[in-house]
């Protein structure tokens, strides 16, 4: 992992946990992610690394900057719908933080001159 802020590091753990649950449910994987889920995880990590807000990052659905391509946004939404209800049981701390992140005030992006 690179020099990510604690917030981004936690986001990476959350999306990985969700993808593992989703992949197991929908693709039958055990232990490792299938190729499409692995690719989505890699994409999500890359996008998190380049998030302009870092530690102040709100939940993606409340953010004014949409980093993900539309197709990837849809894939993540499907993943969250399937994995979300199971996260509370399997990863209660990550679930709690993810829930609380929804209440973060979205920061505004400073305009470049």
N, C-alpha and C. Protein backbone atom coordinates (compact mmCIF):
# COMPACT_ATOMS: atom_id res chain seq x y z
N UNK A 1 0.83 -1.18 0.00
CA UNK A 1 0.00 0.00 0.00
C UNK A 1 0.87 1.24 0.00
N UNK A 2 0.35 2.32 -0.57
CA UNK A 2 1.13 3.55 -0.64
C UNK A 2 0.90 4.40 0.61
N UNK A 3 1.23 5.66 0.52
CA UNK A 3 1.11 6.58 1.65
C UNK A 3 -0.30 7.13 1.79
N UNK A 4 -1.28 6.29 1.83
CA UNK A 4 -2.68 6.71 1.94
C UNK A 4 -2.98 7.23 3.33
N UNK A 5 -3.97 8.11 3.38
CA UNK A 5 -4.46 8.57 4.68
C UNK A 5 -5.20 7.42 5.35
N UNK A 6 -5.37 7.48 6.66
CA UNK A 6 -6.12 6.41 7.34
C UNK A 6 -7.53 6.23 6.77
N UNK A 7 -8.16 7.31 6.38
CA UNK A 7 -9.50 7.25 5.81
C UNK A 7 -9.51 6.46 4.51
N UNK A 8 -8.56 6.72 3.64
CA UNK A 8 -8.48 6.03 2.35
C UNK A 8 -8.12 4.56 2.56
N UNK A 9 -7.22 4.30 3.50
CA UNK A 9 -6.85 2.92 3.81
C UNK A 9 -8.09 2.13 4.27
N UNK A 10 -8.91 2.75 5.11
CA UNK A 10 -10.13 2.09 5.58
C UNK A 10 -11.11 1.87 4.43
N UNK A 11 -11.21 2.84 3.53
CA UNK A 11 -12.09 2.69 2.36
C UNK A 11 -11.64 1.51 1.50
N UNK A 12 -10.35 1.36 1.33
CA UNK A 12 -9.82 0.25 0.55
C UNK A 12 -10.17 -1.09 1.20
N UNK A 13 -10.06 -1.16 2.52
CA UNK A 13 -10.43 -2.39 3.23
C UNK A 13 -11.91 -2.68 3.08
N UNK A 14 -12.73 -1.63 3.13
CA UNK A 14 -14.18 -1.81 3.03
C UNK A 14 -14.57 -2.32 1.65
N UNK A 15 -14.05 -1.70 0.60
CA UNK A 15 -14.42 -2.13 -0.75
C UNK A 15 -13.90 -3.55 -1.01
N UNK A 16 -12.75 -3.88 -0.48
CA UNK A 16 -12.23 -5.24 -0.66
C UNK A 16 -13.13 -6.26 0.06
N UNK A 17 -13.53 -5.94 1.29
CA UNK A 17 -14.42 -6.85 2.04
C UNK A 17 -15.74 -7.05 1.29
N UNK A 18 -16.28 -5.96 0.77
CA UNK A 18 -17.54 -6.06 0.03
C UNK A 18 -17.38 -6.88 -1.25
N UNK A 19 -16.28 -6.67 -1.95
CA UNK A 19 -16.05 -7.44 -3.17
C UNK A 19 -15.84 -8.93 -2.87
N UNK A 20 -15.19 -9.23 -1.77
CA UNK A 20 -14.99 -10.64 -1.41
C UNK A 20 -16.34 -11.32 -1.13
N UNK A 21 -17.21 -10.62 -0.42
CA UNK A 21 -18.54 -11.16 -0.14
C UNK A 21 -19.31 -11.33 -1.45
N UNK A 22 -19.31 -10.30 -2.28
CA UNK A 22 -20.03 -10.34 -3.55
C UNK A 22 -19.52 -11.46 -4.43
N UNK A 23 -18.20 -11.57 -4.56
CA UNK A 23 -17.59 -12.57 -5.44
C UNK A 23 -17.92 -13.99 -4.96
N UNK A 24 -17.90 -14.17 -3.66
CA UNK A 24 -18.24 -15.49 -3.12
C UNK A 24 -19.70 -15.85 -3.42
N UNK A 25 -20.59 -14.86 -3.26
CA UNK A 25 -22.01 -15.09 -3.51
C UNK A 25 -22.33 -15.32 -4.98
N UNK A 26 -21.74 -14.50 -5.84
CA UNK A 26 -22.13 -14.50 -7.25
C UNK A 26 -21.20 -15.29 -8.18
N UNK A 27 -19.97 -15.47 -7.77
CA UNK A 27 -19.02 -16.16 -8.64
C UNK A 27 -18.44 -17.41 -7.99
N UNK A 28 -18.86 -17.71 -6.77
CA UNK A 28 -18.42 -18.93 -6.11
C UNK A 28 -16.96 -18.95 -5.70
N UNK A 29 -16.32 -17.82 -5.63
CA UNK A 29 -14.90 -17.80 -5.27
C UNK A 29 -14.72 -18.11 -3.79
N UNK A 30 -13.61 -18.69 -3.49
CA UNK A 30 -13.23 -19.00 -2.11
C UNK A 30 -11.79 -18.56 -1.91
N UNK A 31 -11.60 -17.53 -1.09
CA UNK A 31 -10.23 -17.08 -0.78
C UNK A 31 -9.70 -16.00 -1.70
N UNK A 32 -9.81 -16.19 -3.00
CA UNK A 32 -9.31 -15.18 -3.93
C UNK A 32 -10.46 -14.67 -4.79
N UNK A 33 -10.30 -13.47 -5.29
CA UNK A 33 -11.32 -12.89 -6.15
C UNK A 33 -11.17 -13.41 -7.57
N UNK A 34 -12.28 -13.50 -8.27
CA UNK A 34 -12.24 -13.85 -9.69
C UNK A 34 -11.62 -12.67 -10.45
N UNK A 35 -11.33 -12.87 -11.71
CA UNK A 35 -10.66 -11.83 -12.51
C UNK A 35 -11.47 -10.52 -12.58
N UNK A 36 -12.77 -10.56 -12.91
CA UNK A 36 -13.52 -9.29 -12.98
C UNK A 36 -13.59 -8.55 -11.63
N UNK A 37 -13.76 -9.28 -10.55
CA UNK A 37 -13.82 -8.64 -9.22
C UNK A 37 -12.45 -8.11 -8.82
N UNK A 38 -11.41 -8.83 -9.17
CA UNK A 38 -10.05 -8.38 -8.89
C UNK A 38 -9.74 -7.09 -9.67
N UNK A 39 -10.21 -7.05 -10.91
CA UNK A 39 -10.02 -5.85 -11.74
C UNK A 39 -10.77 -4.66 -11.14
N UNK A 40 -12.00 -4.89 -10.67
CA UNK A 40 -12.78 -3.81 -10.05
C UNK A 40 -12.11 -3.32 -8.77
N UNK A 41 -11.56 -4.23 -7.99
CA UNK A 41 -10.85 -3.84 -6.77
C UNK A 41 -9.63 -2.99 -7.09
N UNK A 42 -8.89 -3.40 -8.09
CA UNK A 42 -7.71 -2.64 -8.50
C UNK A 42 -8.12 -1.23 -8.96
N UNK A 43 -9.19 -1.16 -9.73
CA UNK A 43 -9.70 0.13 -10.21
C UNK A 43 -10.13 1.01 -9.03
N UNK A 44 -10.85 0.43 -8.08
CA UNK A 44 -11.33 1.19 -6.92
C UNK A 44 -10.15 1.71 -6.09
N UNK A 45 -9.15 0.89 -5.89
CA UNK A 45 -7.96 1.31 -5.14
C UNK A 45 -7.27 2.49 -5.84
N UNK A 46 -7.15 2.38 -7.15
CA UNK A 46 -6.52 3.45 -7.92
C UNK A 46 -7.31 4.75 -7.78
N UNK A 47 -8.62 4.67 -7.88
CA UNK A 47 -9.46 5.85 -7.76
C UNK A 47 -9.39 6.45 -6.35
N UNK A 48 -9.34 5.59 -5.33
CA UNK A 48 -9.22 6.08 -3.96
C UNK A 48 -7.89 6.80 -3.74
N UNK A 49 -6.84 6.27 -4.33
CA UNK A 49 -5.52 6.91 -4.20
C UNK A 49 -5.54 8.31 -4.78
N UNK A 50 -6.30 8.51 -5.84
CA UNK A 50 -6.29 9.83 -6.50
C UNK A 50 -7.45 10.72 -6.04
N UNK A 51 -8.17 10.31 -4.99
CA UNK A 51 -9.28 11.11 -4.47
C UNK A 51 -8.74 12.47 -4.03
N UNK A 52 -9.34 13.56 -4.53
CA UNK A 52 -8.83 14.88 -4.16
C UNK A 52 -9.09 15.26 -2.70
N UNK A 53 -9.98 14.53 -2.02
CA UNK A 53 -10.35 14.90 -0.66
C UNK A 53 -9.60 14.13 0.42
N UNK A 54 -9.07 12.97 0.10
CA UNK A 54 -8.32 12.12 1.02
C UNK A 54 -9.01 11.99 2.38
N UNK A 55 -8.47 12.55 3.45
CA UNK A 55 -9.01 12.34 4.80
C UNK A 55 -10.42 12.92 4.96
N UNK A 56 -10.78 13.92 4.19
CA UNK A 56 -12.11 14.53 4.28
C UNK A 56 -13.12 13.86 3.35
N UNK A 57 -12.71 12.80 2.70
CA UNK A 57 -13.55 12.12 1.71
C UNK A 57 -14.91 11.75 2.30
N UNK A 58 -16.00 12.16 1.63
CA UNK A 58 -17.33 11.73 2.06
C UNK A 58 -17.65 10.37 1.43
N UNK A 59 -18.82 9.85 1.73
CA UNK A 59 -19.28 8.65 1.02
C UNK A 59 -19.39 9.01 -0.45
N UNK A 60 -19.02 8.10 -1.33
CA UNK A 60 -18.99 8.40 -2.76
C UNK A 60 -20.32 8.92 -3.29
N UNK A 61 -21.42 8.39 -2.78
CA UNK A 61 -22.72 8.83 -3.30
C UNK A 61 -23.07 10.25 -2.86
N UNK A 62 -22.33 10.83 -1.94
CA UNK A 62 -22.56 12.21 -1.50
C UNK A 62 -21.49 13.16 -2.03
N UNK A 63 -20.56 12.66 -2.80
CA UNK A 63 -19.43 13.46 -3.26
C UNK A 63 -19.80 14.24 -4.52
N UNK A 64 -19.23 15.44 -4.65
CA UNK A 64 -19.48 16.25 -5.84
C UNK A 64 -18.60 15.83 -7.01
N UNK A 65 -17.53 15.10 -6.74
CA UNK A 65 -16.63 14.61 -7.78
C UNK A 65 -16.89 13.12 -7.97
N UNK A 66 -17.29 12.73 -9.15
CA UNK A 66 -17.53 11.30 -9.40
C UNK A 66 -16.34 10.73 -10.16
N UNK A 67 -15.50 10.02 -9.42
CA UNK A 67 -14.23 9.53 -9.93
C UNK A 67 -14.38 8.30 -10.83
N UNK A 68 -15.42 7.51 -10.57
CA UNK A 68 -15.58 6.24 -11.28
C UNK A 68 -16.28 6.46 -12.62
N UNK A 69 -15.84 5.69 -13.62
CA UNK A 69 -16.58 5.65 -14.89
C UNK A 69 -17.97 5.10 -14.59
N UNK A 70 -18.94 5.48 -15.38
CA UNK A 70 -20.33 5.07 -15.16
C UNK A 70 -20.45 3.55 -15.02
N UNK A 71 -19.79 2.79 -15.87
CA UNK A 71 -19.89 1.32 -15.82
C UNK A 71 -19.35 0.78 -14.49
N UNK A 72 -18.27 1.37 -14.03
CA UNK A 72 -17.68 0.92 -12.76
C UNK A 72 -18.57 1.35 -11.59
N UNK A 73 -19.18 2.52 -11.68
CA UNK A 73 -20.13 2.97 -10.64
C UNK A 73 -21.24 1.95 -10.49
N UNK A 74 -21.77 1.49 -11.61
CA UNK A 74 -22.87 0.52 -11.58
C UNK A 74 -22.40 -0.80 -10.96
N UNK A 75 -21.21 -1.24 -11.29
CA UNK A 75 -20.67 -2.47 -10.71
C UNK A 75 -20.53 -2.34 -9.19
N UNK A 76 -20.04 -1.21 -8.73
CA UNK A 76 -19.87 -1.01 -7.29
C UNK A 76 -21.23 -0.95 -6.59
N UNK A 77 -22.20 -0.32 -7.22
CA UNK A 77 -23.55 -0.28 -6.64
C UNK A 77 -24.11 -1.69 -6.48
N UNK A 78 -23.95 -2.52 -7.50
CA UNK A 78 -24.42 -3.91 -7.41
C UNK A 78 -23.71 -4.65 -6.28
N UNK A 79 -22.41 -4.44 -6.19
CA UNK A 79 -21.61 -5.07 -5.14
C UNK A 79 -22.11 -4.66 -3.76
N UNK A 80 -22.35 -3.36 -3.59
CA UNK A 80 -22.78 -2.86 -2.28
C UNK A 80 -24.18 -3.34 -1.93
N UNK A 81 -25.05 -3.42 -2.92
CA UNK A 81 -26.40 -3.94 -2.65
C UNK A 81 -26.36 -5.38 -2.17
N UNK A 82 -25.50 -6.18 -2.78
CA UNK A 82 -25.42 -7.60 -2.41
C UNK A 82 -24.66 -7.80 -1.11
N UNK A 83 -23.56 -7.08 -0.94
CA UNK A 83 -22.68 -7.30 0.21
C UNK A 83 -23.08 -6.49 1.44
N UNK A 84 -23.69 -5.34 1.22
CA UNK A 84 -24.02 -4.43 2.32
C UNK A 84 -24.70 -5.09 3.51
N UNK A 85 -25.81 -5.80 3.28
CA UNK A 85 -26.50 -6.43 4.42
C UNK A 85 -25.65 -7.47 5.15
N UNK A 86 -24.72 -8.08 4.46
CA UNK A 86 -23.87 -9.12 5.07
C UNK A 86 -22.66 -8.52 5.79
N UNK A 87 -22.32 -7.28 5.44
CA UNK A 87 -21.14 -6.64 6.04
C UNK A 87 -21.28 -6.47 7.55
N UNK A 88 -22.47 -6.13 8.00
CA UNK A 88 -22.67 -5.90 9.43
C UNK A 88 -22.29 -7.12 10.25
N UNK A 89 -22.62 -8.29 9.75
CA UNK A 89 -22.31 -9.54 10.45
C UNK A 89 -20.82 -9.90 10.32
N UNK A 90 -20.27 -9.77 9.11
CA UNK A 90 -18.90 -10.22 8.86
C UNK A 90 -17.83 -9.18 9.20
N UNK A 91 -18.17 -7.91 9.06
CA UNK A 91 -17.20 -6.84 9.30
C UNK A 91 -17.90 -5.69 10.03
N UNK A 92 -18.26 -5.89 11.29
CA UNK A 92 -19.07 -4.88 11.99
C UNK A 92 -18.38 -3.51 12.14
N UNK A 93 -17.09 -3.47 12.37
CA UNK A 93 -16.40 -2.19 12.55
C UNK A 93 -16.36 -1.42 11.23
N UNK A 94 -15.98 -2.10 10.15
CA UNK A 94 -15.97 -1.44 8.85
C UNK A 94 -17.37 -0.95 8.48
N UNK A 95 -18.37 -1.76 8.81
CA UNK A 95 -19.76 -1.38 8.53
C UNK A 95 -20.16 -0.13 9.29
N UNK A 96 -19.78 -0.07 10.53
CA UNK A 96 -20.11 1.10 11.34
C UNK A 96 -19.47 2.36 10.77
N UNK A 97 -18.18 2.28 10.44
CA UNK A 97 -17.51 3.45 9.87
C UNK A 97 -18.12 3.83 8.52
N UNK A 98 -18.44 2.84 7.71
CA UNK A 98 -19.04 3.12 6.40
C UNK A 98 -20.40 3.82 6.59
N UNK A 99 -21.16 3.37 7.56
CA UNK A 99 -22.45 4.00 7.86
C UNK A 99 -22.24 5.45 8.32
N UNK A 100 -21.30 5.66 9.22
CA UNK A 100 -21.04 7.01 9.73
C UNK A 100 -20.51 7.95 8.65
N UNK A 101 -19.77 7.40 7.69
CA UNK A 101 -19.24 8.23 6.61
C UNK A 101 -20.34 8.87 5.78
N UNK A 102 -21.51 8.26 5.79
CA UNK A 102 -22.64 8.83 5.03
C UNK A 102 -23.09 10.16 5.60
N UNK A 103 -22.73 10.44 6.85
CA UNK A 103 -23.13 11.67 7.49
C UNK A 103 -22.06 12.76 7.40
N UNK A 104 -20.92 12.44 6.79
CA UNK A 104 -19.88 13.44 6.61
C UNK A 104 -20.39 14.53 5.68
N UNK A 105 -20.06 15.73 5.99
CA UNK A 105 -20.42 16.86 5.12
C UNK A 105 -19.50 16.81 3.90
N UNK A 106 -20.07 16.77 2.71
CA UNK A 106 -19.21 16.73 1.52
C UNK A 106 -18.41 18.02 1.36
N UNK A 107 -17.09 17.92 1.25
CA UNK A 107 -16.29 19.13 1.06
C UNK A 107 -16.47 19.67 -0.37
N UNK A 108 -16.11 20.90 -0.56
CA UNK A 108 -16.17 21.46 -1.90
C UNK A 108 -14.77 21.44 -2.48
N UNK A 109 -14.74 21.22 -3.75
CA UNK A 109 -13.45 21.17 -4.45
C UNK A 109 -13.00 22.59 -4.77
N UNK A 110 -11.78 22.89 -4.40
CA UNK A 110 -11.24 24.22 -4.68
C UNK A 110 -10.98 24.35 -6.17
N UNK A 111 -11.38 25.46 -6.72
CA UNK A 111 -11.19 25.68 -8.16
C UNK A 111 -9.73 26.04 -8.45
N UNK A 112 -9.25 25.51 -9.58
CA UNK A 112 -7.89 25.84 -10.02
C UNK A 112 -7.90 27.21 -10.68
N UNK A 113 -6.83 27.92 -10.51
CA UNK A 113 -6.74 29.25 -11.14
C UNK A 113 -6.10 29.17 -12.48
